Amino acid sequence: MIRTSATPVIFHSGLHLVCDTLRAMEIKELLEELQKKLERLEELEDALEAFTSMASQAKLKKKYEQEHKPKRVVSPEARAAIGAAQKERWAKVRAQKEKPAA
């Protein structure tokens, strides 16, 4: 019989001792359950710390790689080709603007 009230129910004088024993067992069971939950929380805390540590290391690595990226160099020939293509595109835009006005 598991009771939830704080005061023992006494039907007669011999039952008082039984009720106190049951309360002690209930308290012991509760303490064991709380201890298990505490251990589980500690495990979760350790896992969270490990994850946080890994995440911060990954963030630092990414920042380092971004800061130390080799610069991308475009050859003069490629630069000239890009410039020529851009001039061609702008010429088409200007030509389209002049057509409706004419």
PDB file of N, CA and C in Angstrom:
ATOM      1  N   MET A   1       0.856  -1.180   0.000  1.00  0.00           N
ATOM      2  CA  MET A   1       0.000   0.000   0.000  1.00  0.00           C
ATOM      3  C   MET A   1       0.896   1.235   0.000  1.00  0.00           C
ATOM      4  N   ILE A   2       0.836   2.028  -1.057  1.00  0.00           N
ATOM      5  CA  ILE A   2       1.634   3.249  -1.149  1.00  0.00           C
ATOM      6  C   ILE A   2       0.715   4.431  -0.895  1.00  0.00           C
ATOM      7  N   ARG A   3       1.111   5.223   0.070  1.00  0.00           N
ATOM      8  CA  ARG A   3       0.300   6.376   0.437  1.00  0.00           C
ATOM      9  C   ARG A   3       0.940   7.641  -0.096  1.00  0.00           C
ATOM     10  N   THR A   4       0.119   8.629  -0.336  1.00  0.00           N
ATOM     11  CA  THR A   4       0.634   9.906  -0.802  1.00  0.00           C
ATOM     12  C   THR A   4       0.497  10.996   0.236  1.00  0.00           C
ATOM     13  N   SER A   5      -0.297  10.778   1.268  1.00  0.00           N
ATOM     14  CA  SER A   5      -0.485  11.815   2.282  1.00  0.00           C
ATOM     15  C   SER A   5       0.678  11.791   3.263  1.00  0.00           C
ATOM     16  N   ALA A   6       0.931  12.910   3.900  1.00  0.00           N
ATOM     17  CA  ALA A   6       2.044  13.024   4.833  1.00  0.00           C
ATOM     18  C   ALA A   6       1.717  12.426   6.199  1.00  0.00           C
ATOM     19  N   THR A   7       0.460  12.382   6.579  1.00  0.00           N
ATOM     20  CA  THR A   7       0.108  11.854   7.900  1.00  0.00           C
ATOM     21  C   THR A   7      -0.318  10.402   7.768  1.00  0.00           C
ATOM     22  N   PRO A   8       0.150   9.533   8.676  1.00  0.00           N
ATOM     23  CA  PRO A   8      -0.219   8.121   8.588  1.00  0.00           C
ATOM     24  C   PRO A   8      -1.683   7.921   8.963  1.00  0.00           C
ATOM     25  N   VAL A   9      -2.278   6.948   8.307  1.00  0.00           N
ATOM     26  CA  VAL A   9      -3.655   6.585   8.630  1.00  0.00           C
ATOM     27  C   VAL A   9      -3.583   5.486   9.684  1.00  0.00           C
ATOM     28  N   ILE A  10      -4.192   5.716  10.824  1.00  0.00           N
ATOM     29  CA  ILE A  10      -4.109   4.760  11.919  1.00  0.00           C
ATOM     30  C   ILE A  10      -5.482   4.145  12.140  1.00  0.00           C
ATOM     31  N   PHE A  11      -5.534   2.822  11.900  1.00  0.00           N
ATOM     32  CA  PHE A  11      -6.780   2.107  12.167  1.00  0.00           C
ATOM     33  C   PHE A  11      -6.767   1.570  13.593  1.00  0.00           C
ATOM     34  N   HIS A  12      -5.589   1.135  14.016  1.00  0.00           N
ATOM     35  CA  HIS A  12      -5.403   0.753  15.420  1.00  0.00           C
ATOM     36  C   HIS A  12      -3.916   0.888  15.725  1.00  0.00           C
ATOM     37  N   SER A  13      -3.517   0.721  16.950  1.00  0.00           N
ATOM     38  CA  SER A  13      -2.165   1.056  17.403  1.00  0.00           C
ATOM     39  C   SER A  13      -1.067   0.269  16.697  1.00  0.00           C
ATOM     40  N   GLY A  14      -1.277  -0.971  16.288  1.00  0.00           N
ATOM     41  CA  GLY A  14      -0.233  -1.765  15.622  1.00  0.00           C
ATOM     42  C   GLY A  14       0.012  -1.322  14.189  1.00  0.00           C
ATOM     43  N   LEU A  15      -0.914  -0.671  13.586  1.00  0.00           N
ATOM     44  CA  LEU A  15      -0.791  -0.228  12.200  1.00  0.00           C
ATOM     45  C   LEU A  15       0.103   1.001  12.070  1.00  0.00           C
ATOM     46  N   HIS A  16       0.271   1.739  13.124  1.00  0.00           N
ATOM     47  CA  HIS A  16       1.115   2.934  13.093  1.00  0.00           C
ATOM     48  C   HIS A  16       2.544   2.587  12.687  1.00  0.00           C
ATOM     49  N   LEU A  17       3.080   1.528  13.220  1.00  0.00           N
ATOM     50  CA  LEU A  17       4.433   1.084  12.906  1.00  0.00           C
ATOM     51  C   LEU A  17       4.521   0.651  11.444  1.00  0.00           C
ATOM     52  N   VAL A  18       3.522  -0.027  10.952  1.00  0.00           N
ATOM     53  CA  VAL A  18       3.491  -0.462   9.562  1.00  0.00           C
ATOM     54  C   VAL A  18       3.480   0.745   8.624  1.00  0.00           C
ATOM     55  N   CYS A  19       2.696   1.754   8.958  1.00  0.00           N
ATOM     56  CA  CYS A  19       2.606   2.961   8.127  1.00  0.00           C
ATOM     57  C   CYS A  19       3.943   3.683   8.077  1.00  0.00           C
ATOM     58  N   ASP A  20       4.635   3.776   9.211  1.00  0.00           N
ATOM     59  CA  ASP A  20       5.943   4.427   9.231  1.00  0.00           C
ATOM     60  C   ASP A  20       6.945   3.653   8.377  1.00  0.00           C
ATOM     61  N   THR A  21       6.874   2.320   8.427  1.00  0.00           N
ATOM     62  CA  THR A  21       7.761   1.486   7.628  1.00  0.00           C
ATOM     63  C   THR A  21       7.480   1.706   6.141  1.00  0.00           C
ATOM     64  N   LEU A  22       6.198   1.766   5.774  1.00  0.00           N
ATOM     65  CA  LEU A  22       5.829   2.014   4.389  1.00  0.00           C
ATOM     66  C   LEU A  22       6.318   3.381   3.930  1.00  0.00           C
ATOM     67  N   ARG A  23       6.197   4.396   4.762  1.00  0.00           N
ATOM     68  CA  ARG A  23       6.681   5.734   4.409  1.00  0.00           C
ATOM     69  C   ARG A  23       8.180   5.708   4.191  1.00  0.00           C
ATOM     70  N   ALA A  24       8.905   4.991   5.029  1.00  0.00           N
ATOM     71  CA  ALA A  24      10.358   4.904   4.885  1.00  0.00           C
ATOM     72  C   ALA A  24      10.711   4.224   3.569  1.00  0.00           C
ATOM     73  N   MET A  25       9.948   3.188   3.203  1.00  0.00           N
ATOM     74  CA  MET A  25      10.196   2.494   1.939  1.00  0.00           C
ATOM     75  C   MET A  25       9.885   3.406   0.754  1.00  0.00           C
ATOM     76  N   GLU A  26       8.803   4.160   0.871  1.00  0.00           N
ATOM     77  CA  GLU A  26       8.446   5.089  -0.194  1.00  0.00           C
ATOM     78  C   GLU A  26       9.546   6.137  -0.383  1.00  0.00           C
ATOM     79  N   ILE A  27      10.038   6.656   0.714  1.00  0.00           N
ATOM     80  CA  ILE A  27      11.093   7.665   0.652  1.00  0.00           C
ATOM     81  C   ILE A  27      12.351   7.066   0.010  1.00  0.00           C
ATOM     82  N   LYS A  28      12.679   5.848   0.395  1.00  0.00           N
ATOM     83  CA  LYS A  28      13.853   5.193  -0.167  1.00  0.00           C
ATOM     84  C   LYS A  28      13.687   4.996  -1.674  1.00  0.00           C
ATOM     85  N   GLU A  29      12.482   4.555  -2.088  1.00  0.00           N
ATOM     86  CA  GLU A  29      12.215   4.364  -3.518  1.00  0.00           C
ATOM     87  C   GLU A  29      12.314   5.693  -4.268  1.00  0.00           C
ATOM     88  N   LEU A  30      11.778   6.741  -3.673  1.00  0.00           N
ATOM     89  CA  LEU A  30      11.844   8.058  -4.294  1.00  0.00           C
ATOM     90  C   LEU A  30      13.290   8.527  -4.428  1.00  0.00           C
ATOM     91  N   LEU A  31      14.072   8.300  -3.377  1.00  0.00           N
ATOM     92  CA  LEU A  31      15.482   8.700  -3.424  1.00  0.00           C
ATOM     93  C   LEU A  31      16.231   7.931  -4.519  1.00  0.00           C
ATOM     94  N   GLU A  32      15.954   6.645  -4.646  1.00  0.00           N
ATOM     95  CA  GLU A  32      16.603   5.847  -5.694  1.00  0.00           C
ATOM     96  C   GLU A  32      16.210   6.355  -7.076  1.00  0.00           C
ATOM     97  N   GLU A  33      14.926   6.668  -7.234  1.00  0.00           N
ATOM     98  CA  GLU A  33      14.447   7.184  -8.519  1.00  0.00           C
ATOM     99  C   GLU A  33      15.096   8.530  -8.834  1.00  0.00           C
ATOM    100  N   LEU A  34      15.173   9.392  -7.847  1.00  0.00           N
ATOM    101  CA  LEU A  34      15.815  10.694  -8.049  1.00  0.00           C
ATOM    102  C   LEU A  34      17.301  10.540  -8.370  1.00  0.00           C
ATOM    103  N   GLN A  35      17.944   9.576  -7.726  1.00  0.00           N
ATOM    104  CA  GLN A  35      19.367   9.328  -7.994  1.00  0.00           C
ATOM    105  C   GLN A  35      19.566   8.889  -9.446  1.00  0.00           C
ATOM    106  N   LYS A  36      18.681   8.025  -9.946  1.00  0.00           N
ATOM    107  CA  LYS A  36      18.765   7.577 -11.342  1.00  0.00           C
ATOM    108  C   LYS A  36      18.570   8.748 -12.295  1.00  0.00           C
ATOM    109  N   LYS A  37      17.596   9.610 -11.968  1.00  0.00           N
ATOM    110  CA  LYS A  37      17.340  10.771 -12.815  1.00  0.00           C
ATOM    111  C   LYS A  37      18.523  11.725 -12.796  1.00  0.00           C
ATOM    112  N   LEU A  38      19.141  11.890 -11.647  1.00  0.00           N
ATOM    113  CA  LEU A  38      20.314  12.751 -11.529  1.00  0.00           C
ATOM    114  C   LEU A  38      21.469  12.206 -12.368  1.00  0.00           C
ATOM    115  N   GLU A  39      21.683  10.904 -12.309  1.00  0.00           N
ATOM    116  CA  GLU A  39      22.741  10.291 -13.121  1.00  0.00           C
ATOM    117  C   GLU A  39      22.471  10.496 -14.604  1.00  0.00           C
ATOM    118  N   ARG A  40      21.210  10.361 -15.008  1.00  0.00           N
ATOM    119  CA  ARG A  40      20.845  10.569 -16.420  1.00  0.00           C
ATOM    120  C   ARG A  40      21.094  12.022 -16.834  1.00  0.00           C
ATOM    121  N   LEU A  41      20.747  12.963 -15.960  1.00  0.00           N
ATOM    122  CA  LEU A  41      20.991  14.371 -16.258  1.00  0.00           C
ATOM    123  C   LEU A  41      22.483  14.664 -16.381  1.00  0.00           C
ATOM    124  N   GLU A  42      23.282  14.029 -15.537  1.00  0.00           N
ATOM    125  CA  GLU A  42      24.729  14.223 -15.617  1.00  0.00           C
ATOM    126  C   GLU A  42      25.273  13.675 -16.939  1.00  0.00           C
ATOM    127  N   GLU A  43      24.744  12.529 -17.384  1.00  0.00           N
ATOM    128  CA  GLU A  43      25.158  11.976 -18.670  1.00  0.00           C
ATOM    129  C   GLU A  43      24.795  12.922 -19.809  1.00  0.00           C
ATOM    130  N   LEU A  44      23.577  13.472 -19.745  1.00  0.00           N
ATOM    131  CA  LEU A  44      23.137  14.412 -20.770  1.00  0.00           C
ATOM    132  C   LEU A  44      23.984  15.687 -20.767  1.00  0.00           C
ATOM    133  N   GLU A  45      24.356  16.129 -19.568  1.00  0.00           N
ATOM    134  CA  GLU A  45      25.202  17.320 -19.456  1.00  0.00           C
ATOM    135  C   GLU A  45      26.569  17.063 -20.097  1.00  0.00           C
ATOM    136  N   ASP A  46      27.145  15.890 -19.835  1.00  0.00           N
ATOM    137  CA  ASP A  46      28.434  15.539 -20.438  1.00  0.00           C
ATOM    138  C   ASP A  46      28.333  15.480 -21.959  1.00  0.00           C
ATOM    139  N   ALA A  47      27.242  14.913 -22.456  1.00  0.00           N
ATOM    140  CA  ALA A  47      27.046  14.828 -23.908  1.00  0.00           C
ATOM    141  C   ALA A  47      26.899  16.220 -24.514  1.00  0.00           C
ATOM    142  N   LEU A  48      26.175  17.090 -23.829  1.00  0.00           N
ATOM    143  CA  LEU A  48      25.988  18.455 -24.317  1.00  0.00           C
ATOM    144  C   LEU A  48      27.311  19.217 -24.335  1.00  0.00           C
ATOM    145  N   GLU A  49      28.112  19.038 -23.304  1.00  0.00           N
ATOM    146  CA  GLU A  49      29.428  19.689 -23.263  1.00  0.00           C
ATOM    147  C   GLU A  49      30.308  19.203 -24.414  1.00  0.00           C
ATOM    148  N   ALA A  50      30.284  17.905 -24.687  1.00  0.00           N
ATOM    149  CA  ALA A  50      31.079  17.360 -25.783  1.00  0.00           C
ATOM    150  C   ALA A  50      30.602  17.922 -27.117  1.00  0.00           C
ATOM    151  N   PHE A  51      29.282  17.984 -27.303  1.00  0.00           N
ATOM    152  CA  PHE A  51      28.728  18.516 -28.551  1.00  0.00           C
ATOM    153  C   PHE A  51      29.098  19.988 -28.716  1.00  0.00           C
ATOM    154  N   THR A  52      28.976  20.763 -27.639  1.00  0.00           N
ATOM    155  CA  THR A  52      29.300  22.190 -27.685  1.00  0.00           C
ATOM    156  C   THR A  52      30.761  22.387 -28.031  1.00  0.00           C
ATOM    157  N   SER A  53      31.609  21.554 -27.442  1.00  0.00           N
ATOM    158  CA  SER A  53      33.038  21.642 -27.714  1.00  0.00           C
ATOM    159  C   SER A  53      33.321  21.343 -29.183  1.00  0.00           C
ATOM    160  N   MET A  54      32.679  20.303 -29.713  1.00  0.00           N
ATOM    161  CA  MET A  54      32.884  19.947 -31.124  1.00  0.00           C
ATOM    162  C   MET A  54      32.376  21.057 -32.039  1.00  0.00           C
ATOM    163  N   ALA A  55      31.231  21.644 -31.693  1.00  0.00           N
ATOM    164  CA  ALA A  55      30.652  22.705 -32.516  1.00  0.00           C
ATOM    165  C   ALA A  55      31.554  23.932 -32.526  1.00  0.00           C
ATOM    166  N   SER A  56      32.101  24.288 -31.360  1.00  0.00           N
ATOM    167  CA  SER A  56      32.972  25.462 -31.307  1.00  0.00           C
ATOM    168  C   SER A  56      34.277  25.204 -32.057  1.00  0.00           C
ATOM    169  N   GLN A  57      34.789  23.974 -32.001  1.00  0.00           N
ATOM    170  CA  GLN A  57      35.999  23.649 -32.761  1.00  0.00           C
ATOM    171  C   GLN A  57      35.737  23.737 -34.255  1.00  0.00           C
ATOM    172  N   ALA A  58      34.577  23.272 -34.689  1.00  0.00           N
ATOM    173  CA  ALA A  58      34.219  23.340 -36.109  1.00  0.00           C
ATOM    174  C   ALA A  58      34.082  24.790 -36.548  1.00  0.00           C
ATOM    175  N   LYS A  59      33.506  25.614 -35.684  1.00  0.00           N
ATOM    176  CA  LYS A  59      33.337  27.028 -36.006  1.00  0.00           C
ATOM    177  C   LYS A  59      34.705  27.711 -36.128  1.00  0.00           C
ATOM    178  N   LEU A  60      35.621  27.399 -35.209  1.00  0.00           N
ATOM    179  CA  LEU A  60      36.964  27.986 -35.272  1.00  0.00           C
ATOM    180  C   LEU A  60      37.706  27.536 -36.524  1.00  0.00           C
ATOM    181  N   LYS A  61      37.546  26.263 -36.893  1.00  0.00           N
ATOM    182  CA  LYS A  61      38.203  25.735 -38.083  1.00  0.00           C
ATOM    183  C   LYS A  61      37.692  26.447 -39.331  1.00  0.00           C
ATOM    184  N   LYS A  62      36.373  26.630 -39.404  1.00  0.00           N
ATOM    185  CA  LYS A  62      35.783  27.297 -40.553  1.00  0.00           C
ATOM    186  C   LYS A  62      36.269  28.743 -40.652  1.00  0.00           C
ATOM    187  N   LYS A  63      36.331  29.424 -39.512  1.00  0.00           N
ATOM    188  CA  LYS A  63      36.798  30.818 -39.494  1.00  0.00           C
ATOM    189  C   LYS A  63      38.248  30.885 -39.951  1.00  0.00           C
ATOM    190  N   TYR A  64      39.073  29.964 -39.478  1.00  0.00           N
ATOM    191  CA  TYR A  64      40.483  29.935 -39.872  1.00  0.00           C
ATOM    192  C   TYR A  64      40.608  29.713 -41.377  1.00  0.00           C
ATOM    193  N   GLU A  65      39.827  28.767 -41.899  1.00  0.00           N
ATOM    194  CA  GLU A  65      39.900  28.473 -43.332  1.00  0.00           C
ATOM    195  C   GLU A  65      39.457  29.662 -44.167  1.00  0.00           C
ATOM    196  N   GLN A  66      38.446  30.396 -43.688  1.00  0.00           N
ATOM    197  CA  GLN A  66      37.989  31.565 -44.432  1.00  0.00           C
ATOM    198  C   GLN A  66      39.045  32.668 -44.419  1.00  0.00           C
ATOM    199  N   GLU A  67      39.717  32.827 -43.292  1.00  0.00           N
ATOM    200  CA  GLU A  67      40.736  33.876 -43.187  1.00  0.00           C
ATOM    201  C   GLU A  67      41.995  33.531 -43.976  1.00  0.00           C
ATOM    202  N   HIS A  68      42.261  32.256 -44.153  1.00  0.00           N
ATOM    203  CA  HIS A  68      43.498  31.824 -44.805  1.00  0.00           C
ATOM    204  C   HIS A  68      43.266  31.181 -46.163  1.00  0.00           C
ATOM    205  N   LYS A  69      42.186  31.594 -46.834  1.00  0.00           N
ATOM    206  CA  LYS A  69      41.914  31.067 -48.157  1.00  0.00           C
ATOM    207  C   LYS A  69      42.931  31.630 -49.139  1.00  0.00           C
ATOM    208  N   PRO A  70      43.394  30.799 -50.046  1.00  0.00           N
ATOM    209  CA  PRO A  70      44.277  31.363 -51.062  1.00  0.00           C
ATOM    210  C   PRO A  70      43.459  32.268 -51.977  1.00  0.00           C
ATOM    211  N   LYS A  71      44.056  33.388 -52.375  1.00  0.00           N
ATOM    212  CA  LYS A  71      43.351  34.313 -53.246  1.00  0.00           C
ATOM    213  C   LYS A  71      43.238  33.710 -54.627  1.00  0.00           C
ATOM    214  N   ARG A  72      42.079  33.904 -55.227  1.00  0.00           N
ATOM    215  CA  ARG A  72      41.857  33.374 -56.564  1.00  0.00           C
ATOM    216  C   ARG A  72      42.327  34.419 -57.567  1.00  0.00           C
ATOM    217  N   VAL A  73      43.239  34.025 -58.390  1.00  0.00           N
ATOM    218  CA  VAL A  73      43.833  34.943 -59.356  1.00  0.00           C
ATOM    219  C   VAL A  73      43.287  34.621 -60.743  1.00  0.00           C
ATOM    220  N   VAL A  74      42.862  35.664 -61.442  1.00  0.00           N
ATOM    221  CA  VAL A  74      42.356  35.511 -62.799  1.00  0.00           C
ATOM    222  C   VAL A  74      43.465  35.961 -63.746  1.00  0.00           C
ATOM    223  N   SER A  75      43.713  35.148 -64.735  1.00  0.00           N
ATOM    224  CA  SER A  75      44.777  35.480 -65.692  1.00  0.00           C
ATOM    225  C   SER A  75      44.377  36.716 -66.508  1.00  0.00           C
ATOM    226  N   PRO A  76      45.355  37.431 -67.035  1.00  0.00           N
ATOM    227  CA  PRO A  76      45.037  38.612 -67.854  1.00  0.00           C
ATOM    228  C   PRO A  76      44.165  38.272 -69.062  1.00  0.00           C
ATOM    229  N   GLU A  77      44.375  37.088 -69.647  1.00  0.00           N
ATOM    230  CA  GLU A  77      43.563  36.686 -70.798  1.00  0.00           C
ATOM    231  C   GLU A  77      42.097  36.501 -70.382  1.00  0.00           C
ATOM    232  N   ALA A  78      41.883  35.850 -69.243  1.00  0.00           N
ATOM    233  CA  ALA A  78      40.526  35.633 -68.752  1.00  0.00           C
ATOM    234  C   ALA A  78      39.871  36.957 -68.397  1.00  0.00           C
ATOM    235  N   ARG A  79      40.653  37.853 -67.787  1.00  0.00           N
ATOM    236  CA  ARG A  79      40.138  39.174 -67.425  1.00  0.00           C
ATOM    237  C   ARG A  79      39.688  39.934 -68.679  1.00  0.00           C
ATOM    238  N   ALA A  80      40.486  39.837 -69.747  1.00  0.00           N
ATOM    239  CA  ALA A  80      40.151  40.510 -71.009  1.00  0.00           C
ATOM    240  C   ALA A  80      38.879  39.898 -71.608  1.00  0.00           C
ATOM    241  N   ALA A  81      38.747  38.578 -71.537  1.00  0.00           N
ATOM    242  CA  ALA A  81      37.560  37.917 -72.076  1.00  0.00           C
ATOM    243  C   ALA A  81      36.317  38.322 -71.296  1.00  0.00           C
ATOM    244  N   ILE A  82      36.421  38.412 -69.980  1.00  0.00           N
ATOM    245  CA  ILE A  82      35.298  38.833 -69.136  1.00  0.00           C
ATOM    246  C   ILE A  82      34.905  40.267 -69.474  1.00  0.00           C
ATOM    247  N   GLY A  83      35.903  41.126 -69.619  1.00  0.00           N
ATOM    248  CA  GLY A  83      35.638  42.533 -69.969  1.00  0.00           C
ATOM    249  C   GLY A  83      34.964  42.649 -71.318  1.00  0.00           C
ATOM    250  N   ALA A  84      35.423  41.883 -72.300  1.00  0.00           N
ATOM    251  CA  ALA A  84      34.831  41.933 -73.639  1.00  0.00           C
ATOM    252  C   ALA A  84      33.379  41.456 -73.599  1.00  0.00           C
ATOM    253  N   ALA A  85      33.113  40.388 -72.855  1.00  0.00           N
ATOM    254  CA  ALA A  85      31.746  39.868 -72.746  1.00  0.00           C
ATOM    255  C   ALA A  85      30.837  40.894 -72.083  1.00  0.00           C
ATOM    256  N   GLN A  86      31.353  41.580 -71.064  1.00  0.00           N
ATOM    257  CA  GLN A  86      30.545  42.590 -70.371  1.00  0.00           C
ATOM    258  C   GLN A  86      30.243  43.773 -71.303  1.00  0.00           C
ATOM    259  N   LYS A  87      31.229  44.196 -72.079  1.00  0.00           N
ATOM    260  CA  LYS A  87      30.997  45.289 -73.038  1.00  0.00           C
ATOM    261  C   LYS A  87      29.934  44.881 -74.057  1.00  0.00           C
ATOM    262  N   GLU A  88      29.984  43.631 -74.479  1.00  0.00           N
ATOM    263  CA  GLU A  88      28.999  43.128 -75.435  1.00  0.00           C
ATOM    264  C   GLU A  88      27.589  43.160 -74.836  1.00  0.00           C
ATOM    265  N   ARG A  89      27.478  42.751 -73.582  1.00  0.00           N
ATOM    266  CA  ARG A  89      26.172  42.762 -72.915  1.00  0.00           C
ATOM    267  C   ARG A  89      25.634  44.185 -72.802  1.00  0.00           C
ATOM    268  N   TRP A  90      26.490  45.113 -72.417  1.00  0.00           N
ATOM    269  CA  TRP A  90      26.041  46.498 -72.283  1.00  0.00           C
ATOM    270  C   TRP A  90      25.670  47.088 -73.642  1.00  0.00           C
ATOM    271  N   ALA A  91      26.360  46.679 -74.675  1.00  0.00           N
ATOM    272  CA  ALA A  91      26.027  47.166 -76.018  1.00  0.00           C
ATOM    273  C   ALA A  91      24.630  46.694 -76.411  1.00  0.00           C
ATOM    274  N   LYS A  92      24.290  45.453 -76.069  1.00  0.00           N
ATOM    275  CA  LYS A  92      22.948  44.942 -76.365  1.00  0.00           C
ATOM    276  C   LYS A  92      21.891  45.728 -75.596  1.00  0.00           C
ATOM    277  N   VAL A  93      22.152  46.049 -74.321  1.00  0.00           N
ATOM    278  CA  VAL A  93      21.217  46.804 -73.500  1.00  0.00           C
ATOM    279  C   VAL A  93      20.982  48.176 -74.108  1.00  0.00           C
ATOM    280  N   ARG A  94      22.067  48.842 -74.516  1.00  0.00           N
ATOM    281  CA  ARG A  94      21.951  50.181 -75.111  1.00  0.00           C
ATOM    282  C   ARG A  94      21.185  50.109 -76.439  1.00  0.00           C
ATOM    283  N   ALA A  95      21.449  49.059 -77.217  1.00  0.00           N
ATOM    284  CA  ALA A  95      20.770  48.910 -78.504  1.00  0.00           C
ATOM    285  C   ALA A  95      19.263  48.730 -78.309  1.00  0.00           C
ATOM    286  N   GLN A  96      18.885  47.980 -77.303  1.00  0.00           N
ATOM    287  CA  GLN A  96      17.452  47.760 -77.026  1.00  0.00           C
ATOM    288  C   GLN A  96      16.792  49.043 -76.560  1.00  0.00           C
ATOM    289  N   LYS A  97      17.512  49.881 -75.808  1.00  0.00           N
ATOM    290  CA  LYS A  97      16.957  51.139 -75.338  1.00  0.00           C
ATOM    291  C   LYS A  97      16.738  52.101 -76.505  1.00  0.00           C
ATOM    292  N   GLU A  98      17.624  52.072 -77.484  1.00  0.00           N
ATOM    293  CA  GLU A  98      17.528  52.984 -78.616  1.00  0.00           C
ATOM    294  C   GLU A  98      16.451  52.565 -79.596  1.00  0.00           C
ATOM    295  N   LYS A  99      16.164  51.280 -79.719  1.00  0.00           N
ATOM    296  CA  LYS A  99      15.168  50.785 -80.680  1.00  0.00           C
ATOM    297  C   LYS A  99      13.778  51.368 -80.432  1.00  0.00           C
ATOM    298  N   PRO A 100      13.203  51.259 -79.238  1.00  0.00           N
ATOM    299  CA  PRO A 100      11.852  51.783 -79.038  1.00  0.00           C
ATOM    300  C   PRO A 100      11.766  53.301 -79.234  1.00  0.00           C
ATOM    301  N   ALA A 101      12.831  54.014 -78.947  1.00  0.00           N
ATOM    302  CA  ALA A 101      12.806  55.469 -79.075  1.00  0.00           C
ATOM    303  C   ALA A 101      12.869  55.878 -80.553  1.00  0.00           C
ATOM    304  N   ALA A 102      13.470  55.082 -81.416  1.00  0.00           N
ATOM    305  CA  ALA A 102      13.638  55.469 -82.816  1.00  0.00           C
ATOM    306  C   ALA A 102      12.410  55.337 -83.664  1.00  0.00           C
TER     307      ALA A 102
END
